[in-house]
Every structure is written in C-alpha cells, then in structure tokens.
Amino acid sequence: MSFQKQIVVDCRGHLLGRLSSIIAKELLNGQQVVLVRCEDTNMSGSLYRAKLKYANFKRKKTNSNPRHGPFHQRAPSKILWRTIRGMVPHKTARGAAALDRLKCYEGVPHPFDRKKRMVIPAALKVLRLKPERRFCRLGDLSSLFGWKHQELIGRLEAQRKVKSE
C-alpha cells in the first residue's frame, strides 16, 4: 500500500488472519488505518469449529481472580483489534503507538461513509480460499457469544445503503 494520511479498509469478505497481518505491518510502518464493517470479516473453517475455538479461549482466565484478565471481548471490532494486537509488539512504545493508529468499527459510521474504502486483495476470501471450503462470519460468532447488536448494525447498514443511492 502507498502511504496516505489515513486508510479506510472495508473488512467485508476478507479473511481474519490475513487481513490482520497486513494491517499490523502497515501500522508498524506508521500508517493510520480505520477498519469498517468488522462484523463481515470471514474466518476459514466452519462456524462450529470457530465456536469451539472461541469457547476454549473463553475458558482461559486468571485462577486467583478472573477479573484480572485475560478479557474476552464479544464485539467483532474488538476481536479483530485483539487479533491485530497479537501481531504487534504492543508492550513496547513503538507497538503501543502503532495500536493507537488503529480504529475498528462495526458498520460504517458517519465520517467514513463518505470516504473511499479500500480492499486488500491478498486477504480476500474469494482469492485465498477454495470455493468448497467452509467459512464463517465474525459477526455470527460474536452474536453466539453474547454480542447483542447484530440486528441494530444490520438495520443501520440498510439505512446507509438506501441513503447512499
């Protein structure tokens, strides 16, 4: 990607891990990145498999006091943010500064609905995953684990699409 003041990436149809690694590299290079429509990010593997993996992740907690962490976010934007955090040295000043340059949103909020949204071909599901392979949406996984805003985001996205025409 060429360097711009701010890149707005539409996550719809991208694979979670591939998108995360490319975005992490851009952040470490000093690029400001905004990710919109995080709920439409895809994960390879069936929803059942993703559910088992996330349930296993949710079991991990501090034995003496679970409120000390690790924290298991339910929102798709937070899951995507945490995936990117795992690919950035977030405990150093450089990594923390890189994560400050990242913003993640469900849907397309106001200032970004007017901006040009990018696609990252190296992370697209249609280009990287065989057609017969199973996949699931991050929004579906999140709603199974307690994210309550899938209907609201769907309604707001429908309004935005009608308004943009």
C-alpha atoms as a PDB file:
ATOM      1  CA  MET A   1       0.000   0.000   0.000  1.00  0.00           C
ATOM      2  CA  SER A   2       1.159   3.509  -0.701  1.00  0.00           C
ATOM      3  CA  PHE A   3       1.414   5.849   2.265  1.00  0.00           C
ATOM      4  CA  GLN A   4      -1.618   8.102   2.806  1.00  0.00           C
ATOM      5  CA  LYS A   5      -2.816  10.193   5.719  1.00  0.00           C
ATOM      6  CA  GLN A   6      -5.481   7.650   6.596  1.00  0.00           C
ATOM      7  CA  ILE A   7      -6.559   4.368   5.015  1.00  0.00           C
ATOM      8  CA  VAL A   8     -10.165   3.206   5.384  1.00  0.00           C
ATOM      9  CA  VAL A   9     -10.435  -0.560   4.819  1.00  0.00           C
ATOM     10  CA  ASP A  10     -13.764  -2.317   4.256  1.00  0.00           C
ATOM     11  CA  CYS A  11     -13.396  -5.680   6.037  1.00  0.00           C
ATOM     12  CA  ARG A  12     -16.287  -7.345   4.189  1.00  0.00           C
ATOM     13  CA  GLY A  13     -15.119 -10.541   2.504  1.00  0.00           C
ATOM     14  CA  HIS A  14     -11.591 -10.501   3.968  1.00  0.00           C
ATOM     15  CA  LEU A  15     -10.048 -13.367   5.936  1.00  0.00           C
ATOM     16  CA  LEU A  16      -9.339 -12.520   9.570  1.00  0.00           C
ATOM     17  CA  GLY A  17      -5.707 -13.628   9.922  1.00  0.00           C
ATOM     18  CA  ARG A  18      -4.501 -12.427   6.526  1.00  0.00           C
ATOM     19  CA  LEU A  19      -6.161  -9.043   6.952  1.00  0.00           C
ATOM     20  CA  SER A  20      -4.735  -8.712  10.469  1.00  0.00           C
ATOM     21  CA  SER A  21      -1.139  -9.432   9.447  1.00  0.00           C
ATOM     22  CA  ILE A  22      -1.225  -6.910   6.579  1.00  0.00           C
ATOM     23  CA  ILE A  23      -2.816  -4.224   8.783  1.00  0.00           C
ATOM     24  CA  ALA A  24      -0.298  -4.906  11.595  1.00  0.00           C
ATOM     25  CA  LYS A  25       2.577  -4.330   9.181  1.00  0.00           C
ATOM     26  CA  GLU A  26       1.019  -1.096   7.911  1.00  0.00           C
ATOM     27  CA  LEU A  27       0.518   0.158  11.481  1.00  0.00           C
ATOM     28  CA  LEU A  28       4.161  -0.555  12.357  1.00  0.00           C
ATOM     29  CA  ASN A  29       5.192   1.407   9.254  1.00  0.00           C
ATOM     30  CA  GLY A  30       3.373   4.463  10.616  1.00  0.00           C
ATOM     31  CA  GLN A  31       0.153   4.291   8.617  1.00  0.00           C
ATOM     32  CA  GLN A  32      -3.173   5.323  10.182  1.00  0.00           C
ATOM     33  CA  VAL A  33      -5.773   2.623   9.494  1.00  0.00           C
ATOM     34  CA  VAL A  34      -9.546   2.599  10.004  1.00  0.00           C
ATOM     35  CA  LEU A  35     -11.355  -0.738   9.676  1.00  0.00           C
ATOM     36  CA  VAL A  36     -15.093  -0.601   8.947  1.00  0.00           C
ATOM     37  CA  ARG A  37     -17.692  -3.401   8.723  1.00  0.00           C
ATOM     38  CA  CYS A  38     -15.665  -5.660  11.028  1.00  0.00           C
ATOM     39  CA  GLU A  39     -18.700  -7.887  11.565  1.00  0.00           C
ATOM     40  CA  ASP A  40     -18.467  -9.052   7.932  1.00  0.00           C
ATOM     41  CA  THR A  41     -14.885 -10.305   8.262  1.00  0.00           C
ATOM     42  CA  ASN A  42     -14.624 -14.007   7.375  1.00  0.00           C
ATOM     43  CA  MET A  43     -12.804 -16.794   9.185  1.00  0.00           C
ATOM     44  CA  SER A  44     -11.798 -20.013   7.449  1.00  0.00           C
ATOM     45  CA  GLY A  45     -13.338 -23.114   8.966  1.00  0.00           C
ATOM     46  CA  SER A  46     -16.942 -23.805   9.910  1.00  0.00           C
ATOM     47  CA  LEU A  47     -18.862 -21.803  12.494  1.00  0.00           C
ATOM     48  CA  TYR A  48     -18.927 -24.907  14.690  1.00  0.00           C
ATOM     49  CA  ARG A  49     -15.111 -25.080  14.676  1.00  0.00           C
ATOM     50  CA  ALA A  50     -14.776 -21.355  15.389  1.00  0.00           C
ATOM     51  CA  LYS A  51     -17.270 -21.720  18.237  1.00  0.00           C
ATOM     52  CA  LEU A  52     -15.197 -24.495  19.813  1.00  0.00           C
ATOM     53  CA  LYS A  53     -12.001 -22.464  19.488  1.00  0.00           C
ATOM     54  CA  TYR A  54     -13.555 -19.320  20.978  1.00  0.00           C
ATOM     55  CA  ALA A  55     -15.124 -21.318  23.830  1.00  0.00           C
ATOM     56  CA  ASN A  56     -11.673 -22.748  24.564  1.00  0.00           C
ATOM     57  CA  PHE A  57     -10.218 -19.226  24.560  1.00  0.00           C
ATOM     58  CA  LYS A  58     -13.004 -18.022  26.895  1.00  0.00           C
ATOM     59  CA  ARG A  59     -12.050 -20.698  29.436  1.00  0.00           C
ATOM     60  CA  LYS A  60      -8.633 -19.122  29.943  1.00  0.00           C
ATOM     61  CA  LYS A  61      -8.708 -16.792  32.938  1.00  0.00           C
ATOM     62  CA  THR A  62      -6.692 -15.891  35.995  1.00  0.00           C
ATOM     63  CA  ASN A  63      -7.214 -18.576  38.630  1.00  0.00           C
ATOM     64  CA  SER A  64      -6.932 -16.371  41.715  1.00  0.00           C
ATOM     65  CA  ASN A  65      -9.110 -13.542  40.393  1.00  0.00           C
ATOM     66  CA  PRO A  66     -10.735 -13.843  36.930  1.00  0.00           C
ATOM     67  CA  ARG A  67     -11.378 -10.064  36.862  1.00  0.00           C
ATOM     68  CA  HIS A  68      -7.635  -9.554  36.397  1.00  0.00           C
ATOM     69  CA  GLY A  69      -7.910 -10.944  32.873  1.00  0.00           C
ATOM     70  CA  PRO A  70      -7.425 -12.026  30.172  1.00  0.00           C
ATOM     71  CA  PHE A  71     -10.550 -10.291  28.915  1.00  0.00           C
ATOM     72  CA  HIS A  72     -12.629 -11.929  26.202  1.00  0.00           C
ATOM     73  CA  GLN A  73     -14.329  -9.259  24.128  1.00  0.00           C
ATOM     74  CA  ARG A  74     -17.520 -10.200  22.292  1.00  0.00           C
ATOM     75  CA  ALA A  75     -17.777  -7.393  19.707  1.00  0.00           C
ATOM     76  CA  PRO A  76     -16.366  -8.215  16.229  1.00  0.00           C
ATOM     77  CA  SER A  77     -14.355  -4.984  16.118  1.00  0.00           C
ATOM     78  CA  LYS A  78     -12.708  -5.838  19.438  1.00  0.00           C
ATOM     79  CA  ILE A  79     -11.954  -9.423  18.339  1.00  0.00           C
ATOM     80  CA  LEU A  80     -10.317  -8.063  15.179  1.00  0.00           C
ATOM     81  CA  TRP A  81      -8.433  -5.454  17.235  1.00  0.00           C
ATOM     82  CA  ARG A  82      -7.123  -8.154  19.566  1.00  0.00           C
ATOM     83  CA  THR A  83      -6.035 -10.332  16.624  1.00  0.00           C
ATOM     84  CA  ILE A  84      -4.017  -7.404  15.292  1.00  0.00           C
ATOM     85  CA  ARG A  85      -2.629  -6.713  18.779  1.00  0.00           C
ATOM     86  CA  GLY A  86      -1.232 -10.245  18.809  1.00  0.00           C
ATOM     87  CA  MET A  87       0.797  -9.396  15.695  1.00  0.00           C
ATOM     88  CA  VAL A  88       2.226  -6.149  17.089  1.00  0.00           C
ATOM     89  CA  PRO A  89       4.797  -5.815  19.910  1.00  0.00           C
ATOM     90  CA  HIS A  90       2.163  -3.984  21.995  1.00  0.00           C
ATOM     91  CA  LYS A  91       4.231  -3.861  25.196  1.00  0.00           C
ATOM     92  CA  THR A  92       6.837  -1.560  23.625  1.00  0.00           C
ATOM     93  CA  ALA A  93       6.357   2.151  22.955  1.00  0.00           C
ATOM     94  CA  ARG A  94       6.563   1.531  19.204  1.00  0.00           C
ATOM     95  CA  GLY A  95       3.871  -1.148  19.330  1.00  0.00           C
ATOM     96  CA  ALA A  96       1.590   0.889  21.579  1.00  0.00           C
ATOM     97  CA  ALA A  97       1.924   3.852  19.192  1.00  0.00           C
ATOM     98  CA  ALA A  98       1.096   1.548  16.282  1.00  0.00           C
ATOM     99  CA  LEU A  99      -2.085   0.322  18.003  1.00  0.00           C
ATOM    100  CA  ASP A 100      -3.089   3.934  18.689  1.00  0.00           C
ATOM    101  CA  ARG A 101      -3.129   4.436  14.900  1.00  0.00           C
ATOM    102  CA  LEU A 102      -5.798   1.727  14.521  1.00  0.00           C
ATOM    103  CA  LYS A 103      -9.563   2.250  14.742  1.00  0.00           C
ATOM    104  CA  CYS A 104     -12.095  -0.589  14.304  1.00  0.00           C
ATOM    105  CA  TYR A 105     -15.852  -0.183  13.801  1.00  0.00           C
ATOM    106  CA  GLU A 106     -18.909  -2.328  13.184  1.00  0.00           C
ATOM    107  CA  GLY A 107     -20.839  -0.983  10.237  1.00  0.00           C
ATOM    108  CA  VAL A 108     -19.718   2.230   8.551  1.00  0.00           C
ATOM    109  CA  PRO A 109     -20.059   5.188  10.975  1.00  0.00           C
ATOM    110  CA  HIS A 110     -20.598   8.772   9.805  1.00  0.00           C
ATOM    111  CA  PRO A 111     -17.252  10.259   8.814  1.00  0.00           C
ATOM    112  CA  PHE A 112     -16.214   7.132   6.905  1.00  0.00           C
ATOM    113  CA  ASP A 113     -19.401   6.551   4.902  1.00  0.00           C
ATOM    114  CA  ARG A 114     -18.356   9.430   2.621  1.00  0.00           C
ATOM    115  CA  LYS A 115     -14.736   8.268   2.206  1.00  0.00           C
ATOM    116  CA  LYS A 116     -13.266   5.864  -0.309  1.00  0.00           C
ATOM    117  CA  ARG A 117     -12.952   2.388   1.217  1.00  0.00           C
ATOM    118  CA  MET A 118     -10.071   0.105   0.266  1.00  0.00           C
ATOM    119  CA  VAL A 119      -9.928  -3.626  -0.358  1.00  0.00           C
ATOM    120  CA  ILE A 120      -6.810  -5.724   0.289  1.00  0.00           C
ATOM    121  CA  PRO A 121      -6.612  -8.360  -2.487  1.00  0.00           C
ATOM    122  CA  ALA A 122      -4.062 -10.507  -0.601  1.00  0.00           C
ATOM    123  CA  ALA A 123      -6.635 -11.057   2.173  1.00  0.00           C
ATOM    124  CA  LEU A 124      -9.833 -11.568   0.160  1.00  0.00           C
ATOM    125  CA  LYS A 125     -11.679 -14.824   0.781  1.00  0.00           C
ATOM    126  CA  VAL A 126     -12.631 -15.293  -2.879  1.00  0.00           C
ATOM    127  CA  LEU A 127      -8.952 -15.149  -3.884  1.00  0.00           C
ATOM    128  CA  ARG A 128      -7.405 -17.084  -0.981  1.00  0.00           C
ATOM    129  CA  LEU A 129      -9.917 -19.795  -0.041  1.00  0.00           C
ATOM    130  CA  LYS A 130     -11.036 -22.689  -2.254  1.00  0.00           C
ATOM    131  CA  PRO A 131     -14.747 -22.449  -3.113  1.00  0.00           C
ATOM    132  CA  GLU A 132     -15.646 -25.748  -1.431  1.00  0.00           C
ATOM    133  CA  ARG A 133     -14.009 -24.773   1.887  1.00  0.00           C
ATOM    134  CA  ARG A 134     -16.157 -23.736   4.808  1.00  0.00           C
ATOM    135  CA  PHE A 135     -16.005 -20.295   6.367  1.00  0.00           C
ATOM    136  CA  CYS A 136     -17.933 -18.216   8.890  1.00  0.00           C
ATOM    137  CA  ARG A 137     -18.580 -14.560   9.602  1.00  0.00           C
ATOM    138  CA  LEU A 138     -17.095 -12.861  12.655  1.00  0.00           C
ATOM    139  CA  GLY A 139     -20.475 -11.234  13.407  1.00  0.00           C
ATOM    140  CA  ASP A 140     -22.181 -14.640  13.643  1.00  0.00           C
ATOM    141  CA  LEU A 141     -19.528 -15.923  16.054  1.00  0.00           C
ATOM    142  CA  SER A 142     -19.825 -12.783  18.171  1.00  0.00           C
ATOM    143  CA  SER A 143     -23.614 -12.967  18.392  1.00  0.00           C
ATOM    144  CA  LEU A 144     -23.346 -16.606  19.550  1.00  0.00           C
ATOM    145  CA  PHE A 145     -21.124 -15.464  22.436  1.00  0.00           C
ATOM    146  CA  GLY A 146     -23.216 -12.525  23.613  1.00  0.00           C
ATOM    147  CA  TRP A 147     -22.764  -9.605  21.186  1.00  0.00           C
ATOM    148  CA  LYS A 148     -26.237  -8.044  21.149  1.00  0.00           C
ATOM    149  CA  HIS A 149     -26.045  -5.531  18.301  1.00  0.00           C
ATOM    150  CA  GLN A 150     -26.142  -7.603  15.098  1.00  0.00           C
ATOM    151  CA  GLU A 151     -29.758  -6.633  14.256  1.00  0.00           C
ATOM    152  CA  LEU A 152     -29.057  -2.959  15.020  1.00  0.00           C
ATOM    153  CA  ILE A 153     -25.973  -2.894  12.780  1.00  0.00           C
ATOM    154  CA  GLY A 154     -27.946  -4.641  10.025  1.00  0.00           C
ATOM    155  CA  ARG A 155     -30.694  -2.016  10.273  1.00  0.00           C
ATOM    156  CA  LEU A 156     -28.214   0.887  10.240  1.00  0.00           C
ATOM    157  CA  GLU A 157     -26.358  -0.613   7.250  1.00  0.00           C
ATOM    158  CA  ALA A 158     -29.634  -0.942   5.322  1.00  0.00           C
ATOM    159  CA  GLN A 159     -30.403   2.747   6.042  1.00  0.00           C
ATOM    160  CA  ARG A 160     -26.882   3.759   4.939  1.00  0.00           C
ATOM    161  CA  LYS A 161     -27.200   1.843   1.659  1.00  0.00           C
ATOM    162  CA  VAL A 162     -30.583   3.443   0.882  1.00  0.00           C
ATOM    163  CA  LYS A 163     -29.178   6.892   1.721  1.00  0.00           C
ATOM    164  CA  SER A 164     -26.086   6.436  -0.478  1.00  0.00           C
ATOM    165  CA  GLU A 165     -28.148   5.645  -3.603  1.00  0.00           C
END
